[in-house]
Amino acid sequence: MAKNYALPIGTFIKGENGVYKGQLETLAIKANVSFIPNDDKQKDNHPDLIFMHGEREIGVAWNREDDRGQFVSLSPEEPSLTPGVYTLVKSGVEKGYTLYFRKYMAKKKA
């Protein structure tokens, strides 16, 4: 029986300016990407960060917190990124973060 694990697909470093820079790496993609602060945020439900590849916006992200701590929740708009749950969490490396992907799971019937 398969376990429900998230796959690490990227590593990032957070700069003093709040920008996360790193590399997204899957079997099909190897790209330098970044999360930059959304300076145009006007409402609480607007994204906190913009997910960028060079000068091209490829998604948006929100700062979140739960019982496990703070993380970034990514909503990619790039067609080559599979629908699922993308989370950026603090790694063991100083200023280091890891981007994880987990596919959506079907709900179990009662």
N, C-alpha and C. Protein backbone atom coordinates (compact mmCIF):
# COMPACT_ATOMS: atom_id res chain seq x y z
N MET A 1 0.83 -1.17 0.00
CA MET A 1 0.00 0.00 0.00
C MET A 1 0.89 1.25 0.00
N ALA A 2 0.57 2.20 -0.87
CA ALA A 2 1.37 3.42 -1.00
C ALA A 2 1.14 4.34 0.20
N LYS A 3 2.22 4.97 0.64
CA LYS A 3 2.13 5.96 1.72
C LYS A 3 1.86 7.33 1.11
N ASN A 4 1.37 8.25 1.92
CA ASN A 4 1.03 9.59 1.48
C ASN A 4 2.17 10.54 1.82
N TYR A 5 3.21 10.54 0.98
CA TYR A 5 4.37 11.38 1.22
C TYR A 5 4.40 12.54 0.23
N ALA A 6 4.98 13.64 0.66
CA ALA A 6 5.22 14.77 -0.23
C ALA A 6 6.61 14.62 -0.82
N LEU A 7 6.75 14.96 -2.10
CA LEU A 7 8.03 14.84 -2.79
C LEU A 7 8.75 16.18 -2.79
N PRO A 8 10.03 16.21 -2.41
CA PRO A 8 10.79 17.46 -2.50
C PRO A 8 11.09 17.75 -3.97
N ILE A 9 10.74 18.95 -4.44
CA ILE A 9 10.97 19.29 -5.85
C ILE A 9 11.74 20.60 -6.01
N GLY A 10 12.19 21.19 -4.91
CA GLY A 10 12.94 22.43 -5.03
C GLY A 10 13.63 22.82 -3.75
N THR A 11 14.72 23.58 -3.91
CA THR A 11 15.45 24.11 -2.75
C THR A 11 15.60 25.61 -2.93
N PHE A 12 15.46 26.34 -1.83
CA PHE A 12 15.45 27.80 -1.88
C PHE A 12 16.21 28.38 -0.70
N ILE A 13 16.69 29.60 -0.90
CA ILE A 13 17.32 30.41 0.15
C ILE A 13 16.51 31.70 0.24
N LYS A 14 16.19 32.12 1.47
CA LYS A 14 15.45 33.37 1.66
C LYS A 14 16.42 34.50 1.93
N GLY A 15 16.35 35.53 1.11
CA GLY A 15 17.21 36.70 1.26
C GLY A 15 16.66 37.68 2.27
N GLU A 16 17.49 38.65 2.64
CA GLU A 16 17.10 39.68 3.60
C GLU A 16 15.91 40.51 3.10
N ASN A 17 15.72 40.57 1.78
CA ASN A 17 14.66 41.37 1.18
C ASN A 17 13.33 40.61 1.09
N GLY A 18 13.29 39.39 1.65
CA GLY A 18 12.07 38.60 1.63
C GLY A 18 11.88 37.78 0.37
N VAL A 19 12.86 37.79 -0.54
CA VAL A 19 12.79 37.03 -1.78
C VAL A 19 13.39 35.66 -1.56
N TYR A 20 12.65 34.63 -1.99
CA TYR A 20 13.14 33.26 -1.96
C TYR A 20 13.67 32.95 -3.35
N LYS A 21 14.95 32.57 -3.47
CA LYS A 21 15.52 32.20 -4.76
C LYS A 21 15.98 30.75 -4.68
N GLY A 22 15.72 30.02 -5.78
CA GLY A 22 16.13 28.63 -5.77
C GLY A 22 15.89 27.94 -7.08
N GLN A 23 15.90 26.61 -6.99
CA GLN A 23 15.75 25.79 -8.19
C GLN A 23 14.60 24.82 -8.02
N LEU A 24 13.74 24.77 -9.04
CA LEU A 24 12.65 23.81 -9.13
C LEU A 24 13.18 22.67 -9.99
N GLU A 25 13.10 21.43 -9.49
CA GLU A 25 13.65 20.31 -10.24
C GLU A 25 12.75 19.09 -10.13
N THR A 26 12.18 18.71 -11.29
CA THR A 26 11.39 17.49 -11.42
C THR A 26 12.02 16.66 -12.53
N LEU A 27 11.39 15.54 -12.90
CA LEU A 27 11.91 14.75 -14.02
C LEU A 27 11.85 15.54 -15.33
N ALA A 28 10.85 16.43 -15.46
CA ALA A 28 10.66 17.18 -16.71
C ALA A 28 11.13 18.63 -16.64
N ILE A 29 11.35 19.17 -15.46
CA ILE A 29 11.65 20.60 -15.31
C ILE A 29 12.91 20.80 -14.48
N LYS A 30 13.75 21.70 -14.94
CA LYS A 30 14.89 22.16 -14.15
C LYS A 30 15.00 23.65 -14.42
N ALA A 31 14.58 24.47 -13.44
CA ALA A 31 14.50 25.91 -13.67
C ALA A 31 14.84 26.71 -12.42
N ASN A 32 15.49 27.84 -12.62
CA ASN A 32 15.73 28.79 -11.54
C ASN A 32 14.47 29.63 -11.40
N VAL A 33 13.92 29.65 -10.20
CA VAL A 33 12.67 30.36 -9.93
C VAL A 33 12.81 31.15 -8.64
N SER A 34 11.83 32.03 -8.40
CA SER A 34 11.86 32.81 -7.17
C SER A 34 10.45 33.16 -6.72
N PHE A 35 10.32 33.40 -5.43
CA PHE A 35 9.10 33.92 -4.82
C PHE A 35 9.43 35.35 -4.41
N ILE A 36 8.72 36.33 -4.97
CA ILE A 36 9.00 37.71 -4.61
C ILE A 36 7.79 38.30 -3.88
N PRO A 37 8.02 39.20 -2.92
CA PRO A 37 6.89 39.80 -2.21
C PRO A 37 5.94 40.53 -3.17
N ASN A 38 4.65 40.41 -2.92
CA ASN A 38 3.63 41.08 -3.73
C ASN A 38 3.45 42.50 -3.20
N ASP A 39 4.10 43.45 -3.82
CA ASP A 39 4.02 44.84 -3.38
C ASP A 39 2.66 45.46 -3.69
N ASP A 40 1.85 44.81 -4.52
CA ASP A 40 0.53 45.33 -4.89
C ASP A 40 -0.59 44.74 -4.04
N LYS A 41 -0.26 43.99 -2.98
CA LYS A 41 -1.29 43.37 -2.14
C LYS A 41 -2.15 44.45 -1.48
N GLN A 42 -3.48 44.35 -1.71
CA GLN A 42 -4.39 45.35 -1.16
C GLN A 42 -5.38 44.77 -0.16
N LYS A 43 -5.61 43.46 -0.20
CA LYS A 43 -6.56 42.81 0.71
C LYS A 43 -5.90 41.58 1.33
N ASP A 44 -6.44 41.14 2.46
CA ASP A 44 -5.88 39.97 3.15
C ASP A 44 -5.89 38.71 2.29
N ASN A 45 -6.89 38.57 1.40
CA ASN A 45 -6.96 37.34 0.61
C ASN A 45 -6.13 37.41 -0.67
N HIS A 46 -5.47 38.54 -0.95
CA HIS A 46 -4.59 38.63 -2.10
C HIS A 46 -3.28 37.91 -1.78
N PRO A 47 -2.59 37.40 -2.80
CA PRO A 47 -1.35 36.65 -2.55
C PRO A 47 -0.27 37.49 -1.87
N ASP A 48 0.50 36.83 -1.01
CA ASP A 48 1.62 37.49 -0.35
C ASP A 48 2.87 37.52 -1.24
N LEU A 49 2.97 36.52 -2.11
CA LEU A 49 4.15 36.36 -2.95
C LEU A 49 3.75 36.05 -4.39
N ILE A 50 4.64 36.41 -5.33
CA ILE A 50 4.47 36.08 -6.74
C ILE A 50 5.57 35.07 -7.09
N PHE A 51 5.19 33.96 -7.73
CA PHE A 51 6.12 32.90 -8.13
C PHE A 51 6.60 33.22 -9.54
N MET A 52 7.91 33.41 -9.71
CA MET A 52 8.47 33.90 -10.96
C MET A 52 9.51 32.96 -11.56
N HIS A 53 9.54 32.92 -12.90
CA HIS A 53 10.62 32.29 -13.66
C HIS A 53 11.18 33.40 -14.54
N GLY A 54 12.32 33.94 -14.15
CA GLY A 54 12.84 35.12 -14.83
C GLY A 54 11.90 36.29 -14.59
N GLU A 55 11.42 36.90 -15.67
CA GLU A 55 10.48 38.02 -15.58
C GLU A 55 9.04 37.56 -15.74
N ARG A 56 8.82 36.25 -15.85
CA ARG A 56 7.49 35.71 -16.13
C ARG A 56 6.83 35.19 -14.86
N GLU A 57 5.61 35.67 -14.57
CA GLU A 57 4.84 35.19 -13.42
C GLU A 57 4.27 33.81 -13.75
N ILE A 58 4.55 32.83 -12.88
CA ILE A 58 4.04 31.47 -13.13
C ILE A 58 3.19 30.95 -11.98
N GLY A 59 2.85 31.82 -11.04
CA GLY A 59 1.99 31.43 -9.93
C GLY A 59 1.96 32.47 -8.84
N VAL A 60 1.18 32.17 -7.83
CA VAL A 60 1.06 33.05 -6.66
C VAL A 60 1.14 32.19 -5.40
N ALA A 61 1.44 32.84 -4.26
CA ALA A 61 1.61 32.09 -3.02
C ALA A 61 1.18 32.93 -1.82
N TRP A 62 0.82 32.21 -0.76
CA TRP A 62 0.38 32.85 0.48
C TRP A 62 1.21 32.34 1.64
N ASN A 63 1.53 33.24 2.59
CA ASN A 63 2.16 32.85 3.85
C ASN A 63 1.07 32.22 4.72
N ARG A 64 1.35 31.07 5.28
CA ARG A 64 0.38 30.35 6.09
C ARG A 64 1.05 29.88 7.38
N GLU A 65 0.20 29.48 8.34
CA GLU A 65 0.70 28.94 9.60
C GLU A 65 -0.32 27.91 10.10
N ASP A 66 0.18 26.78 10.59
CA ASP A 66 -0.67 25.78 11.22
C ASP A 66 0.04 25.26 12.46
N ASP A 67 -0.43 24.16 13.01
CA ASP A 67 0.16 23.62 14.24
C ASP A 67 1.61 23.17 14.07
N ARG A 68 2.06 23.01 12.82
CA ARG A 68 3.44 22.60 12.56
C ARG A 68 4.38 23.78 12.33
N GLY A 69 3.80 24.99 12.22
CA GLY A 69 4.62 26.18 12.02
C GLY A 69 4.25 26.95 10.76
N GLN A 70 5.15 27.84 10.35
CA GLN A 70 4.91 28.68 9.19
C GLN A 70 5.36 27.98 7.92
N PHE A 71 4.64 28.27 6.83
CA PHE A 71 4.99 27.72 5.52
C PHE A 71 4.40 28.63 4.45
N VAL A 72 4.77 28.38 3.20
CA VAL A 72 4.23 29.12 2.07
C VAL A 72 3.43 28.13 1.23
N SER A 73 2.20 28.50 0.89
CA SER A 73 1.33 27.67 0.06
C SER A 73 1.33 28.24 -1.36
N LEU A 74 1.76 27.43 -2.33
CA LEU A 74 1.91 27.86 -3.72
C LEU A 74 0.74 27.40 -4.57
N SER A 75 0.25 28.29 -5.42
CA SER A 75 -0.77 27.97 -6.41
C SER A 75 -0.15 28.25 -7.78
N PRO A 76 0.45 27.22 -8.42
CA PRO A 76 1.11 27.46 -9.71
C PRO A 76 0.10 27.64 -10.83
N GLU A 77 0.45 28.47 -11.79
CA GLU A 77 -0.37 28.69 -12.97
C GLU A 77 0.33 28.18 -14.23
N GLU A 78 1.49 27.62 -14.06
CA GLU A 78 2.28 27.07 -15.16
C GLU A 78 1.68 25.72 -15.55
N PRO A 79 1.29 25.53 -16.83
CA PRO A 79 0.64 24.28 -17.25
C PRO A 79 1.46 23.01 -17.02
N SER A 80 2.79 23.12 -17.01
CA SER A 80 3.61 21.91 -16.83
C SER A 80 3.68 21.44 -15.38
N LEU A 81 3.15 22.23 -14.44
CA LEU A 81 3.14 21.81 -13.04
C LEU A 81 1.79 21.15 -12.74
N THR A 82 1.84 19.89 -12.33
CA THR A 82 0.67 19.08 -12.06
C THR A 82 -0.17 19.65 -10.94
N PRO A 83 -1.52 19.60 -11.06
CA PRO A 83 -2.36 20.04 -9.95
C PRO A 83 -2.06 19.23 -8.69
N GLY A 84 -2.01 19.89 -7.57
CA GLY A 84 -1.72 19.24 -6.30
C GLY A 84 -1.45 20.27 -5.23
N VAL A 85 -0.83 19.84 -4.16
CA VAL A 85 -0.51 20.70 -3.02
C VAL A 85 0.98 21.00 -3.05
N TYR A 86 1.32 22.27 -3.14
CA TYR A 86 2.71 22.72 -3.16
C TYR A 86 2.96 23.55 -1.91
N THR A 87 3.95 23.15 -1.10
CA THR A 87 4.27 23.89 0.11
C THR A 87 5.77 24.12 0.22
N LEU A 88 6.12 25.33 0.62
CA LEU A 88 7.51 25.71 0.84
C LEU A 88 7.72 25.79 2.34
N VAL A 89 8.61 24.94 2.88
CA VAL A 89 8.82 24.89 4.32
C VAL A 89 10.30 25.04 4.66
N LYS A 90 10.56 25.50 5.87
CA LYS A 90 11.93 25.67 6.37
C LYS A 90 12.63 24.33 6.41
N SER A 91 13.85 24.30 5.90
CA SER A 91 14.66 23.07 5.96
C SER A 91 15.68 23.21 7.08
N GLY A 92 16.54 22.23 7.25
CA GLY A 92 17.54 22.26 8.30
C GLY A 92 18.69 23.21 8.02
N VAL A 93 18.77 23.72 6.79
CA VAL A 93 19.86 24.60 6.39
C VAL A 93 19.51 26.03 6.78
N GLU A 94 20.53 26.77 7.27
CA GLU A 94 20.29 28.17 7.64
C GLU A 94 19.74 28.95 6.44
N LYS A 95 18.63 29.63 6.62
CA LYS A 95 17.93 30.39 5.58
C LYS A 95 17.44 29.50 4.45
N GLY A 96 17.50 28.18 4.63
CA GLY A 96 17.11 27.24 3.58
C GLY A 96 15.66 26.80 3.68
N TYR A 97 15.05 26.57 2.51
CA TYR A 97 13.66 26.13 2.41
C TYR A 97 13.56 25.04 1.35
N THR A 98 12.59 24.14 1.51
CA THR A 98 12.35 23.08 0.54
C THR A 98 10.92 23.19 0.04
N LEU A 99 10.76 23.06 -1.29
CA LEU A 99 9.43 23.05 -1.91
C LEU A 99 9.01 21.60 -2.07
N TYR A 100 7.84 21.27 -1.53
CA TYR A 100 7.30 19.92 -1.60
C TYR A 100 6.03 19.90 -2.46
N PHE A 101 5.82 18.77 -3.14
CA PHE A 101 4.61 18.54 -3.93
C PHE A 101 3.93 17.27 -3.43
N ARG A 102 2.63 17.34 -3.30
CA ARG A 102 1.82 16.15 -2.98
C ARG A 102 0.57 16.20 -3.85
N LYS A 103 0.31 15.11 -4.56
CA LYS A 103 -0.88 15.11 -5.42
C LYS A 103 -2.13 15.03 -4.57
N TYR A 104 -3.22 15.52 -5.16
CA TYR A 104 -4.51 15.44 -4.47
C TYR A 104 -4.88 13.97 -4.31
N MET A 105 -5.40 13.64 -3.15
CA MET A 105 -5.82 12.26 -2.87
C MET A 105 -7.34 12.19 -2.85
N ALA A 106 -7.88 11.13 -3.41
CA ALA A 106 -9.33 10.92 -3.37
C ALA A 106 -9.74 10.68 -1.93
N LYS A 107 -10.90 11.24 -1.58
CA LYS A 107 -11.40 11.04 -0.22
C LYS A 107 -11.89 9.61 -0.06
N LYS A 108 -11.61 9.04 1.12
CA LYS A 108 -12.05 7.69 1.40
C LYS A 108 -13.53 7.67 1.73
N LYS A 109 -14.20 6.68 1.22
CA LYS A 109 -15.62 6.54 1.50
C LYS A 109 -15.81 5.94 2.88
N ALA A 110 -16.81 6.42 3.59
CA ALA A 110 -17.08 5.96 4.97
C ALA A 110 -17.73 4.60 4.98
